[in-house]
Amino acid sequence: MRKKFLCTVASVVLSAASLSYAAEYEVEEIGTLDGYMGSAAYAINNKGEVAGELYGSSNFRAMLWQNGVITPLGTLGGTNSSAYDINNNTQITGFAENSNDEERAYIWSGGTMSDLGDMPASDPATPGERLEANKINNSGVIVGYGEVLYPWHTEMTVPTQRAFKWDGTMHNLGLVPGYEVLPDDTTVDEGTVNGSVATAINNNGVIIGYAQIEKYEHMFDYIDTIPVAGFVYDDGMMQVLDSPMDYAVMPLDINDAGQIVGVAVDMTTYELSVVLWENATSEMQVIITPENAYILSLAININGDIVGTDDDSGTPYLWEKVWDEETSSYVYKYTDLNDLLPAASDWLLYDVYDINDAGQMVGGGSFAEGDYMGYVMTPSITEIAVPEPMSLVLIGLGTIGIIIKRFRK
């Protein structure tokens, strides 16, 4: 049974057209199917269709939610699958297990799930079997990462990742410029391996991602993976995104205006911040971030609205630009989505994963202390007569002009 609730919000949203709005939110539960305990919503397209997963006690399955109906997407012959993104043509991507229980990147289109194939070889590394897709654009181009195996110290290998692009053919995007260090096969006790991950692609075909370093010690015991630098891949060229020294950055999403959102960690204080690049060549901007937040998933829509979850506290946030009188400029302010719910709501929202260009948000939460379920949060926008600061100036000037004319008469 689906549940809908209207949430009146007293916030003001400023638009490029210099108009102000009041928003009401309708929260709809996605629900689940027999044999599963609940659901999670990971992506929403501009038609309001949702991709995510159904979960049970020992398995999970990719699903499409469309016009209130859940469709399981199946697997590639294995047990589990998940759907991470959906485009406006109802094509879906993510990962699914095959009959060997290997995680494989897929495209689901027209009711059929297809394996994207193997990662091409690169440098001295050989392709592994594990691939995972992160995003798909409206042209059906998919990005993600695949496992590759480095030869290290005689016949031993260590795994790392390579960013990929799939456009009907799998392309290995290679390593990020300046981060191409290969492992030292003379060192057995410890070492590092560089890798790359593609996190998102927009409808202009611009890809973003990050370089990472994987640390090993004591005969290849895995220690840690550290994202170190962001990249943009466009028209066959990869470039490093701007970031200050001593910052580790991880770009996570890009909109069709070219704005890039991600997270950055100050490696001197280990403080994490949400960050924004207005375009591929602009400086990194730090956005106000909840204190001690641990955010690893973010999304941005065409309006520059940002959503993300603090994984430590289980708090979903929406960042919107508002006019700041002190700085006389637009700045980002964040809001806990639960604060947008009416006082009498029985919803408790834990996660938000995506926002479409209409402002619809999806994630997971609990209704009336029930099981974790996916939700869709839809704004109903109503224009109100509240001019922004520049409009007030113009109104003021007009009033002065009227007064002067009257005085002259």
Protein backbone atom coordinates (compact mmCIF):
# COMPACT_ATOMS: atom_id res chain seq x y z
CA MET A 1 0.00 0.00 0.00
CA ARG A 2 1.42 3.40 -1.00
CA LYS A 3 1.16 6.38 1.32
CA LYS A 4 1.07 10.06 0.32
CA PHE A 5 1.53 13.04 2.59
CA LEU A 6 1.51 16.76 1.91
CA CYS A 7 4.28 18.70 3.61
CA THR A 8 3.96 22.49 3.63
CA VAL A 9 7.32 24.22 3.65
CA ALA A 10 7.80 27.84 4.67
CA SER A 11 11.08 28.13 2.78
CA VAL A 12 11.72 30.49 -0.10
CA VAL A 13 13.45 29.36 -3.30
CA LEU A 14 15.02 32.01 -5.56
CA SER A 15 15.00 31.35 -9.29
CA ALA A 16 17.02 32.70 -12.20
CA ALA A 17 13.87 34.55 -13.28
CA SER A 18 13.93 36.59 -10.03
CA LEU A 19 10.76 34.96 -8.73
CA SER A 20 10.09 33.50 -5.28
CA TYR A 21 8.12 30.41 -4.45
CA ALA A 22 6.54 28.47 -1.61
CA ALA A 23 6.85 24.69 -1.78
CA GLU A 24 4.60 21.88 -0.60
CA TYR A 25 6.06 18.37 -0.58
CA GLU A 26 4.22 15.15 -1.25
CA VAL A 27 6.02 12.10 0.18
CA GLU A 28 5.12 8.79 -1.42
CA GLU A 29 6.30 5.42 -0.20
CA ILE A 30 7.63 3.13 -2.92
CA GLY A 31 6.82 0.00 -0.94
CA THR A 32 8.03 -3.53 -1.66
CA LEU A 33 6.92 -6.89 -3.06
CA ASP A 34 6.14 -10.25 -1.49
CA GLY A 35 9.31 -12.06 -0.52
CA TYR A 36 11.18 -8.84 0.30
CA MET A 37 11.40 -6.75 3.45
CA GLY A 38 11.75 -3.29 1.98
CA SER A 39 13.19 -1.08 -0.74
CA ALA A 40 15.71 1.69 -1.41
CA ALA A 41 15.47 4.43 -4.06
CA TYR A 42 18.81 5.49 -5.58
CA ALA A 43 17.95 7.53 -8.69
CA ILE A 44 15.07 9.41 -10.31
CA ASN A 45 14.76 10.67 -13.88
CA ASN A 46 12.86 13.73 -15.09
CA LYS A 47 9.74 11.60 -15.72
CA GLY A 48 9.58 10.64 -12.04
CA GLU A 49 10.66 7.04 -12.65
CA VAL A 50 12.83 5.55 -9.92
CA ALA A 51 15.65 3.01 -9.92
CA GLY A 52 16.79 1.23 -6.78
CA GLU A 53 16.57 -2.14 -5.12
CA LEU A 54 14.34 -4.48 -3.17
CA TYR A 55 15.99 -6.17 -0.22
CA GLY A 56 15.28 -9.33 1.70
CA SER A 57 16.92 -11.06 4.62
CA SER A 58 19.69 -12.54 2.46
CA ASN A 59 19.42 -11.01 -1.01
CA PHE A 60 18.64 -7.83 -2.92
CA ARG A 61 17.28 -7.20 -6.39
CA ALA A 62 17.40 -4.21 -8.79
CA MET A 63 14.01 -2.63 -9.42
CA LEU A 64 12.17 0.02 -11.43
CA TRP A 65 9.34 2.04 -9.85
CA GLN A 66 7.08 3.48 -12.53
CA ASN A 67 3.60 5.00 -12.06
CA GLY A 68 3.36 3.37 -8.65
CA VAL A 69 4.28 -0.10 -9.93
CA ILE A 70 7.46 -1.99 -8.96
CA THR A 71 9.21 -4.09 -11.62
CA PRO A 72 12.11 -6.35 -10.52
CA LEU A 73 14.91 -6.24 -13.11
CA GLY A 74 16.40 -9.66 -12.48
CA THR A 75 20.11 -10.57 -12.50
CA LEU A 76 22.72 -11.90 -14.92
CA GLY A 77 22.25 -15.40 -13.60
CA GLY A 78 23.32 -14.83 -10.00
CA THR A 79 21.55 -13.94 -6.77
CA ASN A 80 21.85 -10.17 -6.31
CA SER A 81 21.58 -6.97 -8.31
CA SER A 82 21.13 -3.25 -7.73
CA ALA A 83 20.11 -0.26 -9.87
CA TYR A 84 22.12 2.94 -9.37
CA ASP A 85 20.89 5.23 -12.15
CA ILE A 86 18.09 5.73 -14.69
CA ASN A 87 17.94 8.04 -17.70
CA ASN A 88 14.95 9.75 -19.31
CA ASN A 89 14.56 6.83 -21.74
CA THR A 90 14.00 4.41 -18.84
CA GLN A 91 17.38 2.76 -19.35
CA ILE A 92 18.92 1.62 -16.08
CA THR A 93 22.41 0.69 -14.94
CA GLY A 94 24.14 -0.69 -11.86
CA PHE A 95 25.60 -4.10 -11.09
CA ALA A 96 24.29 -7.64 -11.13
CA GLU A 97 25.81 -10.97 -10.21
CA ASN A 98 26.33 -13.60 -12.88
CA SER A 99 26.19 -17.37 -12.47
CA ASN A 100 29.73 -17.31 -11.01
CA ASP A 101 28.62 -14.76 -8.38
CA GLU A 102 30.81 -12.12 -10.04
CA GLU A 103 29.57 -8.52 -9.92
CA ARG A 104 29.10 -7.19 -13.46
CA ALA A 105 28.07 -3.82 -14.85
CA TYR A 106 24.87 -3.93 -16.92
CA ILE A 107 22.40 -1.94 -18.97
CA TRP A 108 18.68 -2.67 -18.62
CA SER A 109 16.69 -1.47 -21.61
CA GLY A 110 13.30 -2.48 -22.96
CA GLY A 111 12.92 -5.22 -20.38
CA THR A 112 16.30 -6.87 -21.01
CA MET A 113 19.40 -6.81 -18.81
CA SER A 114 22.73 -7.06 -20.68
CA ASP A 115 26.30 -7.43 -19.41
CA LEU A 116 28.52 -4.53 -20.54
CA GLY A 117 31.48 -6.83 -21.09
CA ASP A 118 35.05 -6.90 -19.83
CA MET A 119 37.38 -4.04 -19.08
CA PRO A 120 40.12 -3.69 -21.73
CA ALA A 121 43.68 -4.23 -20.54
CA SER A 122 45.87 -1.23 -19.70
CA ASP A 123 49.55 -0.67 -18.76
CA PRO A 124 50.81 -3.87 -17.14
CA ALA A 125 47.47 -4.58 -15.45
CA THR A 126 45.11 -7.33 -16.57
CA PRO A 127 41.31 -7.04 -16.34
CA GLY A 128 39.51 -8.62 -13.41
CA GLU A 129 35.96 -9.94 -13.39
CA ARG A 130 34.30 -7.28 -11.19
CA LEU A 131 32.75 -4.20 -12.81
CA GLU A 132 30.28 -1.71 -11.38
CA ALA A 133 28.38 1.03 -13.25
CA ASN A 134 27.56 4.32 -11.54
CA LYS A 135 25.71 6.56 -14.02
CA ILE A 136 23.98 6.57 -17.40
CA ASN A 137 23.13 9.63 -19.51
CA ASN A 138 20.24 10.13 -21.94
CA SER A 139 22.35 8.84 -24.84
CA GLY A 140 22.78 5.53 -23.02
CA VAL A 141 26.49 6.12 -22.28
CA ILE A 142 27.52 4.50 -18.98
CA VAL A 143 30.45 5.18 -16.64
CA GLY A 144 31.83 3.31 -13.64
CA TYR A 145 34.88 1.27 -12.73
CA GLY A 146 36.30 -2.17 -13.24
CA GLU A 147 38.78 -4.21 -11.26
CA VAL A 148 42.25 -4.72 -12.72
CA LEU A 149 45.11 -6.80 -11.34
CA TYR A 150 48.63 -5.45 -11.07
CA PRO A 151 51.63 -7.76 -11.26
CA TRP A 152 53.64 -7.19 -8.10
CA HIS A 153 56.68 -9.07 -6.84
CA THR A 154 57.23 -12.05 -9.14
CA GLU A 155 53.92 -13.78 -9.92
CA MET A 156 51.71 -12.12 -7.30
CA THR A 157 49.06 -9.51 -8.14
CA VAL A 158 47.12 -6.85 -6.24
CA PRO A 159 43.71 -5.49 -7.31
CA THR A 160 42.82 -1.88 -8.01
CA GLN A 161 40.27 -0.03 -10.18
CA ARG A 162 40.14 1.65 -13.58
CA ALA A 163 37.48 4.14 -14.69
CA PHE A 164 35.47 3.04 -17.72
CA LYS A 165 33.13 4.50 -20.30
CA TRP A 166 30.68 2.28 -22.19
CA ASP A 167 29.00 3.53 -25.37
CA GLY A 168 28.28 0.13 -26.86
CA THR A 169 31.99 -0.60 -26.54
CA MET A 170 33.92 -0.72 -23.26
CA HIS A 171 36.67 1.91 -22.95
CA ASN A 172 39.35 1.93 -20.24
CA LEU A 173 39.91 5.60 -19.29
CA GLY A 174 43.26 4.81 -17.67
CA LEU A 175 45.01 6.64 -14.87
CA VAL A 176 44.67 10.31 -13.93
CA PRO A 177 47.49 12.59 -15.17
CA GLY A 178 50.05 13.03 -12.41
CA TYR A 179 48.85 9.88 -10.64
CA GLU A 180 50.25 7.16 -12.89
CA VAL A 181 52.70 5.66 -10.36
CA LEU A 182 52.96 1.89 -10.73
CA PRO A 183 53.78 -0.43 -7.83
CA ASP A 184 57.40 -1.10 -6.96
CA ASP A 185 57.82 -4.86 -7.40
CA THR A 186 61.03 -4.86 -5.35
CA THR A 187 59.12 -3.97 -2.19
CA VAL A 188 57.29 -6.84 -0.54
CA ASP A 189 56.34 -5.48 2.87
CA GLU A 190 54.42 -2.40 1.79
CA GLY A 191 53.47 -0.33 -1.21
CA THR A 192 50.77 1.65 -3.01
CA VAL A 193 48.80 1.11 -6.21
CA ASN A 194 47.12 3.92 -8.12
CA GLY A 195 43.65 3.57 -9.61
CA SER A 196 40.76 5.59 -11.03
CA VAL A 197 36.95 5.62 -10.69
CA ALA A 198 34.37 7.36 -12.91
CA THR A 199 31.46 8.58 -10.80
CA ALA A 200 29.15 10.46 -13.17
CA ILE A 201 28.44 11.62 -16.74
CA ASN A 202 26.14 14.41 -17.91
CA ASN A 203 24.06 14.64 -21.09
CA ASN A 204 26.87 16.53 -22.83
CA GLY A 205 29.10 13.47 -22.39
CA VAL A 206 31.38 15.06 -19.79
CA ILE A 207 32.68 12.47 -17.30
CA ILE A 208 33.96 13.07 -13.79
CA GLY A 209 35.70 10.86 -11.26
CA TYR A 210 38.76 10.62 -9.07
CA ALA A 211 42.21 9.13 -8.71
CA GLN A 212 42.74 6.88 -5.74
CA ILE A 213 45.65 5.24 -3.96
CA GLU A 214 45.32 1.79 -2.43
CA LYS A 215 47.76 0.91 0.33
CA TYR A 216 49.05 -2.58 1.04
CA GLU A 217 51.49 -3.99 3.57
CA HIS A 218 52.70 -7.33 4.99
CA MET A 219 52.51 -9.43 1.84
CA PHE A 220 49.60 -7.61 0.22
CA ASP A 221 47.25 -7.17 3.16
CA TYR A 222 44.89 -4.39 2.12
CA ILE A 223 45.04 -1.29 4.36
CA ASP A 224 43.05 1.57 2.89
CA THR A 225 41.80 3.34 -0.25
CA ILE A 226 42.35 7.11 -0.41
CA PRO A 227 40.78 9.34 -3.09
CA VAL A 228 43.40 11.97 -3.86
CA ALA A 229 42.41 14.05 -6.90
CA GLY A 230 39.37 14.69 -9.06
CA PHE A 231 39.29 14.55 -12.84
CA VAL A 232 37.16 15.63 -15.80
CA TYR A 233 37.19 13.55 -18.99
CA ASP A 234 35.84 15.34 -22.05
CA ASP A 235 36.34 14.75 -25.77
CA GLY A 236 39.00 12.13 -25.14
CA MET A 237 41.05 14.32 -22.79
CA MET A 238 41.45 13.88 -19.02
CA GLN A 239 42.38 16.83 -16.78
CA VAL A 240 42.75 17.23 -13.05
CA LEU A 241 40.22 19.39 -11.19
CA ASP A 242 41.44 22.29 -9.08
CA SER A 243 41.89 21.61 -5.37
CA PRO A 244 44.08 23.13 -2.64
CA MET A 245 47.21 21.42 -1.43
CA ASP A 246 46.66 18.90 1.39
CA TYR A 247 43.09 18.17 0.24
CA ALA A 248 41.85 14.78 -0.94
CA VAL A 249 38.86 15.26 -3.24
CA MET A 250 36.15 13.03 -4.63
CA PRO A 251 33.82 14.55 -7.30
CA LEU A 252 30.49 12.73 -7.23
CA ASP A 253 28.02 14.29 -9.68
CA ILE A 254 27.82 16.74 -12.61
CA ASN A 255 24.77 18.49 -14.04
CA ASP A 256 24.12 19.58 -17.63
CA ALA A 257 25.33 23.11 -16.82
CA GLY A 258 28.74 21.61 -16.02
CA GLN A 259 28.57 22.21 -12.26
CA ILE A 260 30.38 19.50 -10.30
CA VAL A 261 29.68 18.58 -6.68
CA GLY A 262 31.78 16.37 -4.44
CA VAL A 263 33.49 16.07 -1.09
CA ALA A 264 36.95 17.09 0.04
CA VAL A 265 38.93 16.14 3.12
CA ASP A 266 41.51 18.48 4.63
CA MET A 267 44.31 15.99 5.27
CA THR A 268 45.76 18.18 8.05
CA THR A 269 42.55 18.34 10.11
CA TYR A 270 40.62 15.41 8.51
CA GLU A 271 37.60 17.68 8.24
CA LEU A 272 35.20 16.74 5.43
CA SER A 273 33.39 19.41 3.39
CA VAL A 274 30.93 19.47 0.53
CA VAL A 275 32.58 21.26 -2.42
CA LEU A 276 31.52 22.68 -5.78
CA TRP A 277 33.22 23.45 -9.08
CA GLU A 278 31.20 25.79 -11.32
CA ASN A 279 32.89 24.19 -14.34
CA ALA A 280 35.84 21.99 -15.27
CA THR A 281 38.39 24.82 -15.00
CA SER A 282 37.04 26.78 -12.02
CA GLU A 283 38.41 26.85 -8.49
CA MET A 284 37.02 24.50 -5.86
CA GLN A 285 34.49 26.17 -3.55
CA VAL A 286 33.78 24.89 -0.05
CA ILE A 287 30.05 24.82 0.75
CA ILE A 288 28.73 25.08 4.30
CA THR A 289 28.57 21.51 5.63
CA PRO A 290 26.99 20.03 8.78
CA GLU A 291 29.58 19.68 11.54
CA ASN A 292 31.34 16.29 11.69
CA ALA A 293 29.29 15.03 8.74
CA TYR A 294 30.46 11.95 6.84
CA ILE A 295 29.02 12.33 3.35
CA LEU A 296 29.92 9.94 0.54
CA SER A 297 26.99 10.39 -1.86
CA LEU A 298 25.83 13.64 -3.47
CA ALA A 299 23.67 14.65 -6.44
CA ILE A 300 23.09 17.99 -8.19
CA ASN A 301 20.28 19.00 -10.57
CA ILE A 302 20.18 21.59 -13.35
CA ASN A 303 19.12 24.29 -10.87
CA GLY A 304 22.20 23.72 -8.72
CA ASP A 305 20.18 22.13 -5.89
CA ILE A 306 22.27 19.50 -4.06
CA VAL A 307 21.25 16.50 -1.95
CA GLY A 308 23.34 14.18 0.19
CA THR A 309 23.33 12.05 3.32
CA ASP A 310 25.42 12.15 6.47
CA ASP A 311 26.08 8.43 6.85
CA ASP A 312 27.18 8.75 10.48
CA SER A 313 23.95 10.31 11.77
CA GLY A 314 21.59 9.02 9.08
CA THR A 315 20.49 12.55 8.16
CA PRO A 316 19.39 13.56 4.62
CA TYR A 317 20.20 17.13 3.52
CA LEU A 318 19.09 19.51 0.79
CA TRP A 319 21.38 22.43 -0.17
CA GLU A 320 19.74 25.43 -1.90
CA LYS A 321 21.08 28.83 -2.86
CA VAL A 322 19.55 31.71 -0.90
CA TRP A 323 20.24 35.43 -0.77
CA ASP A 324 22.62 36.39 2.04
CA GLU A 325 22.23 40.00 3.21
CA GLU A 326 25.59 40.01 5.00
CA THR A 327 27.61 39.16 1.90
CA SER A 328 25.12 40.54 -0.65
CA SER A 329 25.37 37.34 -2.63
CA TYR A 330 23.72 33.96 -3.09
CA VAL A 331 25.09 31.26 -0.79
CA TYR A 332 24.23 27.62 -0.16
CA LYS A 333 22.26 26.76 2.96
CA TYR A 334 21.42 23.20 3.99
CA THR A 335 18.22 21.79 5.45
CA ASP A 336 17.49 18.42 7.04
CA LEU A 337 14.72 16.91 4.90
CA ASN A 338 12.94 15.87 8.07
CA ASP A 339 12.53 19.57 8.89
CA LEU A 340 10.50 19.91 5.70
CA LEU A 341 7.96 17.39 6.98
CA PRO A 342 4.86 18.55 8.89
CA ALA A 343 4.93 18.14 12.65
CA ALA A 344 2.34 15.35 12.52
CA SER A 345 4.22 13.28 9.93
CA ASP A 346 5.01 9.66 10.78
CA TRP A 347 7.96 9.64 8.36
CA LEU A 348 11.58 9.50 9.47
CA LEU A 349 13.88 10.01 6.49
CA TYR A 350 17.40 8.56 6.74
CA ASP A 351 18.87 8.93 3.26
CA VAL A 352 18.55 11.01 0.12
CA TYR A 353 20.41 9.88 -3.01
CA ASP A 354 19.16 11.87 -5.99
CA ILE A 355 17.25 14.95 -7.13
CA ASN A 356 15.84 15.51 -10.61
CA ASP A 357 15.43 18.79 -12.47
CA ALA A 358 11.88 19.20 -11.13
CA GLY A 359 13.18 19.00 -7.55
CA GLN A 360 11.87 15.50 -6.82
CA MET A 361 14.09 13.69 -4.31
CA VAL A 362 14.49 9.98 -3.59
CA GLY A 363 16.06 7.96 -0.82
CA GLY A 364 15.06 5.74 2.07
CA GLY A 365 13.28 6.11 5.36
CA SER A 366 10.77 4.60 7.74
CA PHE A 367 7.04 5.26 8.04
CA ALA A 368 5.43 4.76 11.45
CA GLU A 369 8.59 2.98 12.70
CA GLY A 370 8.23 0.34 9.99
CA ASP A 371 10.88 -1.23 7.78
CA TYR A 372 13.25 0.85 5.70
CA MET A 373 11.47 1.83 2.48
CA GLY A 374 12.24 3.92 -0.56
CA TYR A 375 10.38 7.19 -0.98
CA VAL A 376 9.76 9.93 -3.55
CA MET A 377 9.49 13.50 -2.24
CA THR A 378 7.77 15.73 -4.81
CA PRO A 379 7.52 19.53 -4.57
CA SER A 380 4.39 21.38 -5.61
CA ILE A 381 5.61 24.89 -6.44
CA THR A 382 3.36 27.94 -6.05
CA GLU A 383 4.55 31.41 -7.05
CA ILE A 384 4.20 34.04 -4.35
CA ALA A 385 4.64 37.82 -4.55
CA VAL A 386 7.92 38.17 -2.66
CA PRO A 387 10.50 40.10 -4.71
CA GLU A 388 14.21 39.39 -4.26
CA PRO A 389 16.65 42.16 -3.26
CA MET A 390 17.25 43.54 -6.79
CA SER A 391 13.51 43.67 -7.40
CA LEU A 392 13.11 45.68 -4.21
CA VAL A 393 15.74 48.12 -5.45
CA LEU A 394 13.91 48.54 -8.75
CA ILE A 395 10.59 48.98 -6.95
CA GLY A 396 12.22 51.55 -4.71
CA LEU A 397 13.64 53.46 -7.66
CA GLY A 398 10.26 53.40 -9.34
CA THR A 399 8.61 54.74 -6.19
CA ILE A 400 11.18 57.55 -5.97
CA GLY A 401 10.47 58.41 -9.62
CA ILE A 402 6.73 58.64 -8.90
CA ILE A 403 7.38 60.86 -5.88
CA ILE A 404 9.62 63.19 -7.93
CA LYS A 405 7.00 63.42 -10.69
CA ARG A 406 4.30 64.21 -8.15
CA PHE A 407 6.53 66.80 -6.45
CA ARG A 408 7.21 68.51 -9.78
CA LYS A 409 3.49 68.75 -10.43
